[in-house]
C-alpha atoms as a PDB file:
ATOM      1  CA  MET A   1      16.208  -0.023   0.556  1.00  0.00           C
ATOM      2  CA  ALA A   2      16.096  -0.624   4.504  1.00  0.00           C
ATOM      3  CA  SER A   3      16.214  -4.321   5.561  1.00  0.00           C
ATOM      4  CA  LEU A   4      12.428  -5.483   5.463  1.00  0.00           C
ATOM      5  CA  ASP A   5      10.252  -7.893   7.168  1.00  0.00           C
ATOM      6  CA  PRO A   6       9.295 -10.641   4.577  1.00  0.00           C
ATOM      7  CA  ARG A   7       5.898 -10.884   6.197  1.00  0.00           C
ATOM      8  CA  THR A   8       5.063  -7.058   6.321  1.00  0.00           C
ATOM      9  CA  GLY A   9       7.509  -5.664   3.930  1.00  0.00           C
ATOM     10  CA  ALA A  10       8.586  -3.224   6.727  1.00  0.00           C
ATOM     11  CA  ALA A  11      11.444  -2.741   9.175  1.00  0.00           C
ATOM     12  CA  PRO A  12      10.871  -1.088  12.696  1.00  0.00           C
ATOM     13  CA  THR A  13      11.327   2.383  13.168  1.00  0.00           C
ATOM     14  CA  PRO A  14      14.113   2.791  15.897  1.00  0.00           C
ATOM     15  CA  GLY A  15      12.474   4.205  18.912  1.00  0.00           C
ATOM     16  CA  ALA A  16       8.907   4.700  17.759  1.00  0.00           C
ATOM     17  CA  ASP A  17       6.109   3.333  19.430  1.00  0.00           C
ATOM     18  CA  PRO A  18       3.791   1.434  16.999  1.00  0.00           C
ATOM     19  CA  ALA A  19       0.802   3.095  18.786  1.00  0.00           C
ATOM     20  CA  ASP A  20       2.170   6.508  18.342  1.00  0.00           C
ATOM     21  CA  LEU A  21       2.770   5.932  14.602  1.00  0.00           C
ATOM     22  CA  ALA A  22      -0.880   4.561  14.465  1.00  0.00           C
ATOM     23  CA  HIS A  23      -1.994   7.873  15.803  1.00  0.00           C
ATOM     24  CA  LEU A  24       0.058   9.721  13.451  1.00  0.00           C
ATOM     25  CA  ALA A  25      -1.308   7.767  10.502  1.00  0.00           C
ATOM     26  CA  ALA A  26      -4.638   8.643  11.508  1.00  0.00           C
ATOM     27  CA  ARG A  27      -3.656  12.413  11.867  1.00  0.00           C
ATOM     28  CA  TRP A  28      -2.045  12.109   8.321  1.00  0.00           C
ATOM     29  CA  VAL A  29      -5.359  10.912   6.847  1.00  0.00           C
ATOM     30  CA  ARG A  30      -7.283  13.585   8.595  1.00  0.00           C
ATOM     31  CA  TRP A  31      -4.817  16.191   7.254  1.00  0.00           C
ATOM     32  CA  VAL A  32      -5.413  14.844   3.648  1.00  0.00           C
ATOM     33  CA  ALA A  33      -9.152  15.068   4.069  1.00  0.00           C
ATOM     34  CA  ARG A  34      -8.833  18.854   5.048  1.00  0.00           C
ATOM     35  CA  HIS A  35      -7.903  19.493   1.285  1.00  0.00           C
ATOM     36  CA  ARG A  36     -10.436  19.803  -1.491  1.00  0.00           C
ATOM     37  CA  GLN A  37      -9.654  17.848  -4.669  1.00  0.00           C
ATOM     38  CA  PRO A  38      -7.486  20.634  -6.462  1.00  0.00           C
ATOM     39  CA  ALA A  39      -5.464  21.376  -3.458  1.00  0.00           C
ATOM     40  CA  SER A  40      -4.837  17.988  -2.366  1.00  0.00           C
ATOM     41  CA  PRO A  41      -1.283  17.277  -1.324  1.00  0.00           C
ATOM     42  CA  ILE A  42      -1.573  13.707  -3.093  1.00  0.00           C
ATOM     43  CA  ALA A  43      -2.434  15.405  -6.440  1.00  0.00           C
ATOM     44  CA  ASP A  44      -0.032  18.406  -6.026  1.00  0.00           C
ATOM     45  CA  ARG A  45       2.407  18.070  -8.906  1.00  0.00           C
ATOM     46  CA  SER A  46       4.869  20.824  -7.470  1.00  0.00           C
ATOM     47  CA  GLY A  47       4.580  20.857  -3.831  1.00  0.00           C
ATOM     48  CA  ARG A  48       3.030  24.331  -3.692  1.00  0.00           C
ATOM     49  CA  HIS A  49       0.223  22.724  -1.369  1.00  0.00           C
ATOM     50  CA  ALA A  50       2.491  21.081   0.876  1.00  0.00           C
ATOM     51  CA  GLY A  51       2.251  23.651   3.685  1.00  0.00           C
ATOM     52  CA  HIS A  52      -1.575  23.782   3.777  1.00  0.00           C
ATOM     53  CA  HIS A  53      -3.183  22.838   7.080  1.00  0.00           C
ATOM     54  CA  GLN A  54       0.154  21.343   8.643  1.00  0.00           C
ATOM     55  CA  PRO A  55       0.191  20.771  12.397  1.00  0.00           C
ATOM     56  CA  THR A  56       2.708  22.452  14.674  1.00  0.00           C
ATOM     57  CA  ASP A  57       4.372  19.404  15.883  1.00  0.00           C
ATOM     58  CA  VAL A  58       5.125  17.467  12.937  1.00  0.00           C
ATOM     59  CA  TRP A  59       5.414  17.920   9.078  1.00  0.00           C
ATOM     60  CA  PHE A  60       3.320  15.602   6.860  1.00  0.00           C
ATOM     61  CA  LEU A  61       4.349  14.672   3.371  1.00  0.00           C
ATOM     62  CA  ALA A  62       2.273  12.857   0.812  1.00  0.00           C
ATOM     63  CA  GLY A  63       2.730  10.282  -2.109  1.00  0.00           C
ATOM     64  CA  THR A  64       0.627  10.128  -5.171  1.00  0.00           C
ATOM     65  CA  HIS A  65      -2.636   8.439  -6.372  1.00  0.00           C
ATOM     66  CA  GLY A  66      -0.161   6.274  -8.440  1.00  0.00           C
ATOM     67  CA  GLY A  67       2.969   7.063 -10.272  1.00  0.00           C
ATOM     68  CA  SER A  68       5.713   9.295  -9.561  1.00  0.00           C
ATOM     69  CA  VAL A  69       6.066  13.029  -8.801  1.00  0.00           C
ATOM     70  CA  GLN A  70       8.741  15.555  -7.927  1.00  0.00           C
ATOM     71  CA  ARG A  71       8.022  18.363  -5.357  1.00  0.00           C
ATOM     72  CA  SER A  72       9.778  21.044  -3.382  1.00  0.00           C
ATOM     73  CA  CYS A  73       8.612  22.582  -0.238  1.00  0.00           C
ATOM     74  CA  VAL A  74       9.855  24.737   2.819  1.00  0.00           C
ATOM     75  CA  VAL A  75       9.877  22.931   6.131  1.00  0.00           C
ATOM     76  CA  PRO A  76      10.084  24.864   9.318  1.00  0.00           C
ATOM     77  CA  ALA A  77      13.268  23.816  11.544  1.00  0.00           C
ATOM     78  CA  GLY A  78      12.758  21.345  14.271  1.00  0.00           C
ATOM     79  CA  ARG A  79       9.683  19.409  12.775  1.00  0.00           C
ATOM     80  CA  PRO A  80      10.075  15.742  12.443  1.00  0.00           C
ATOM     81  CA  LEU A  81       8.782  14.484   8.935  1.00  0.00           C
ATOM     82  CA  PHE A  82       5.985  11.795   8.700  1.00  0.00           C
ATOM     83  CA  PHE A  83       4.786  10.068   5.666  1.00  0.00           C
ATOM     84  CA  PRO A  84       3.777   6.873   4.032  1.00  0.00           C
ATOM     85  CA  ALA A  85       5.899   5.041   1.458  1.00  0.00           C
ATOM     86  CA  PHE A  86       2.721   3.106   0.671  1.00  0.00           C
ATOM     87  CA  CYS A  87      -0.686   3.315   2.258  1.00  0.00           C
ATOM     88  CA  TRP A  88      -4.364   2.805   1.674  1.00  0.00           C
ATOM     89  CA  TRP A  89      -7.503   3.939   3.540  1.00  0.00           C
ATOM     90  CA  GLN A  90     -11.017   2.496   3.515  1.00  0.00           C
ATOM     91  CA  VAL A  91     -14.048   4.591   4.167  1.00  0.00           C
ATOM     92  CA  GLY A  92     -17.254   3.171   5.916  1.00  0.00           C
ATOM     93  CA  ARG A  93     -18.301   0.936   8.709  1.00  0.00           C
ATOM     94  CA  GLY A  94     -16.174  -1.926   9.834  1.00  0.00           C
ATOM     95  CA  ASP A  95     -14.768  -3.403  13.120  1.00  0.00           C
ATOM     96  CA  GLY A  96     -11.314  -4.372  14.047  1.00  0.00           C
ATOM     97  CA  PRO A  97      -7.994  -3.648  12.904  1.00  0.00           C
ATOM     98  CA  ALA A  98      -7.116  -2.525   9.608  1.00  0.00           C
ATOM     99  CA  GLN A  99      -5.704  -5.411   7.491  1.00  0.00           C
ATOM    100  CA  PRO A 100      -2.168  -5.089   5.968  1.00  0.00           C
ATOM    101  CA  THR A 101      -1.539  -5.387   2.234  1.00  0.00           C
ATOM    102  CA  LEU A 102       0.779  -8.667   2.497  1.00  0.00           C
ATOM    103  CA  GLY A 103       2.374  -7.907  -0.707  1.00  0.00           C
ATOM    104  CA  ALA A 104       3.209  -4.343  -0.105  1.00  0.00           C
ATOM    105  CA  THR A 105       6.900  -3.173  -0.119  1.00  0.00           C
ATOM    106  CA  GLY A 106       8.427   0.416   0.420  1.00  0.00           C
ATOM    107  CA  HIS A 107      11.592   2.327   0.569  1.00  0.00           C
ATOM    108  CA  ALA A 108      12.616   5.727   1.848  1.00  0.00           C
ATOM    109  CA  GLN A 109      15.711   7.776   1.957  1.00  0.00           C
ATOM    110  CA  VAL A 110      17.030  11.206   3.118  1.00  0.00           C
ATOM    111  CA  ASP A 111      20.049  12.492   1.273  1.00  0.00           C
ATOM    112  CA  GLY A 112      20.924   8.951   0.120  1.00  0.00           C
ATOM    113  CA  VAL A 113      20.468   7.372   3.580  1.00  0.00           C
ATOM    114  CA  PRO A 114      17.908   4.797   3.974  1.00  0.00           C
ATOM    115  CA  VAL A 115      15.086   5.402   6.358  1.00  0.00           C
ATOM    116  CA  ALA A 116      13.361   2.715   8.211  1.00  0.00           C
ATOM    117  CA  LEU A 117       9.702   1.959   7.527  1.00  0.00           C
ATOM    118  CA  THR A 118       6.969   0.329  10.046  1.00  0.00           C
ATOM    119  CA  ALA A 119       4.082  -1.288   8.982  1.00  0.00           C
ATOM    120  CA  VAL A 120       1.176   0.341  10.912  1.00  0.00           C
ATOM    121  CA  GLY A 121      -2.662   0.062  10.686  1.00  0.00           C
ATOM    122  CA  SER A 122      -5.599   1.565  12.583  1.00  0.00           C
ATOM    123  CA  ALA A 123      -6.736  -0.458  15.441  1.00  0.00           C
ATOM    124  CA  GLU A 124     -10.225   0.292  14.556  1.00  0.00           C
ATOM    125  CA  PRO A 125     -11.988   2.890  12.184  1.00  0.00           C
ATOM    126  CA  PHE A 126     -11.524   6.580  13.150  1.00  0.00           C
ATOM    127  CA  PRO A 127     -13.705   9.635  12.412  1.00  0.00           C
ATOM    128  CA  VAL A 128     -12.597  11.790   9.632  1.00  0.00           C
ATOM    129  CA  ARG A 129     -14.225  14.875   8.835  1.00  0.00           C
ATOM    130  CA  GLY A 130     -13.023  16.521   5.761  1.00  0.00           C
ATOM    131  CA  PHE A 131     -13.969  19.348   3.259  1.00  0.00           C
ATOM    132  CA  PHE A 132     -16.721  18.600   0.645  1.00  0.00           C
ATOM    133  CA  ASN A 133     -14.927  16.896  -2.500  1.00  0.00           C
ATOM    134  CA  ASN A 134     -11.757  15.815  -0.291  1.00  0.00           C
ATOM    135  CA  VAL A 135      -9.688  12.614  -1.663  1.00  0.00           C
ATOM    136  CA  VAL A 136     -10.362  10.399   1.455  1.00  0.00           C
ATOM    137  CA  THR A 137     -14.170  10.622   2.181  1.00  0.00           C
ATOM    138  CA  THR A 138     -15.633  13.294  -0.227  1.00  0.00           C
ATOM    139  CA  TRP A 139     -18.085  14.265   2.498  1.00  0.00           C
ATOM    140  CA  PRO A 140     -17.710  17.272   4.866  1.00  0.00           C
ATOM    141  CA  TRP A 141     -19.308  15.391   7.784  1.00  0.00           C
ATOM    142  CA  PRO A 142     -17.510  12.544   9.914  1.00  0.00           C
ATOM    143  CA  VAL A 143     -16.975   9.489   8.279  1.00  0.00           C
ATOM    144  CA  PRO A 144     -15.275   6.299   9.855  1.00  0.00           C
ATOM    145  CA  VAL A 145     -12.176   5.486   8.038  1.00  0.00           C
ATOM    146  CA  SER A 146      -9.348   2.797   8.547  1.00  0.00           C
ATOM    147  CA  CYS A 147      -5.916   2.882   7.233  1.00  0.00           C
ATOM    148  CA  TRP A 148      -2.715   0.732   6.898  1.00  0.00           C
ATOM    149  CA  GLY A 149       0.829   1.456   5.459  1.00  0.00           C
ATOM    150  CA  LEU A 150       4.547   1.592   5.593  1.00  0.00           C
ATOM    151  CA  TRP A 151       5.219   4.603   7.321  1.00  0.00           C
ATOM    152  CA  ALA A 152       8.389   6.540   8.074  1.00  0.00           C
ATOM    153  CA  LEU A 153       9.102   9.232  10.991  1.00  0.00           C
ATOM    154  CA  VAL A 154      12.144  11.229  10.316  1.00  0.00           C
ATOM    155  CA  PRO A 155      13.634  13.124  13.101  1.00  0.00           C
ATOM    156  CA  PRO A 156      13.788  16.930  12.311  1.00  0.00           C
ATOM    157  CA  PRO A 157      16.381  17.441   9.508  1.00  0.00           C
ATOM    158  CA  ALA A 158      19.129  20.136   9.941  1.00  0.00           C
ATOM    159  CA  PRO A 159      18.459  23.293   8.377  1.00  0.00           C
ATOM    160  CA  GLY A 160      19.619  23.571   4.659  1.00  0.00           C
ATOM    161  CA  ARG A 161      18.472  21.514   1.600  1.00  0.00           C
ATOM    162  CA  HIS A 162      17.696  17.965   1.594  1.00  0.00           C
ATOM    163  CA  GLU A 163      16.435  15.377  -1.069  1.00  0.00           C
ATOM    164  CA  LEU A 164      13.910  12.971   0.413  1.00  0.00           C
ATOM    165  CA  THR A 165      12.521   9.986  -1.659  1.00  0.00           C
ATOM    166  CA  PHE A 166      10.045   7.424  -0.943  1.00  0.00           C
ATOM    167  CA  GLY A 167       7.584   5.266  -2.643  1.00  0.00           C
ATOM    168  CA  GLY A 168       6.157   1.750  -2.528  1.00  0.00           C
ATOM    169  CA  ALA A 169       3.984  -1.050  -4.441  1.00  0.00           C
ATOM    170  CA  ASP A 170       1.050  -3.151  -3.465  1.00  0.00           C
ATOM    171  CA  GLY A 171       2.875  -6.300  -4.961  1.00  0.00           C
ATOM    172  CA  GLY A 172       0.810  -6.115  -8.004  1.00  0.00           C
ATOM    173  CA  ARG A 173       0.886  -3.307 -10.736  1.00  0.00           C
ATOM    174  CA  PHE A 174       0.117  -0.204  -8.232  1.00  0.00           C
ATOM    175  CA  TRP A 175       3.069   1.801  -7.336  1.00  0.00           C
ATOM    176  CA  VAL A 176       3.795   5.283  -6.018  1.00  0.00           C
ATOM    177  CA  GLU A 177       7.020   7.376  -5.901  1.00  0.00           C
ATOM    178  CA  ALA A 178       7.503  10.793  -4.433  1.00  0.00           C
ATOM    179  CA  GLN A 179      10.749  12.695  -4.619  1.00  0.00           C
ATOM    180  CA  TYR A 180      11.031  15.968  -2.512  1.00  0.00           C
ATOM    181  CA  GLN A 181      13.452  18.830  -2.408  1.00  0.00           C
ATOM    182  CA  VAL A 182      12.997  20.115   1.187  1.00  0.00           C
ATOM    183  CA  GLU A 183      14.443  23.198   2.323  1.00  0.00           C
ATOM    184  CA  VAL A 184      14.586  23.353   6.058  1.00  0.00           C
ATOM    185  CA  ARG A 185      14.620  26.883   7.748  1.00  0.00           C
END
């Protein structure tokens, strides 16, 4: 596990601007909302939906709604990986920054090497428009959403096979764990 700040449960991501990570976190939430329930990357048990609706500049990976999962996917070469070891989102009106989950902890590693996590939350609610019955808003029209999490931005992995594991907990009984077998080509 990476060396974590006892206040936030996270270590800084070297070279990553927190504002850039907050923007990526909002994009990640919008990516999740683009999927209907049966094809949600969070509910996906195998990784077969991992490539749906991916942007061209980064590759998003998802955790779970609780518990553990093992997935496999193919990632295009040259794409950084972005994912939450632990995160939450809140739908509805609200002002101000997203509040951190103070007891949250997380971990991530690629091929057995620890990956730094950064605690990042939205500075204010952002609009999310998803498909009907998506796991974020459930509605197809724009809805304000806030999010917070322990996020990782991994530089583009070399072509070939890699094992990526990440997960976290809320400091209580809720925990998530995802193990990916990633083939970069």
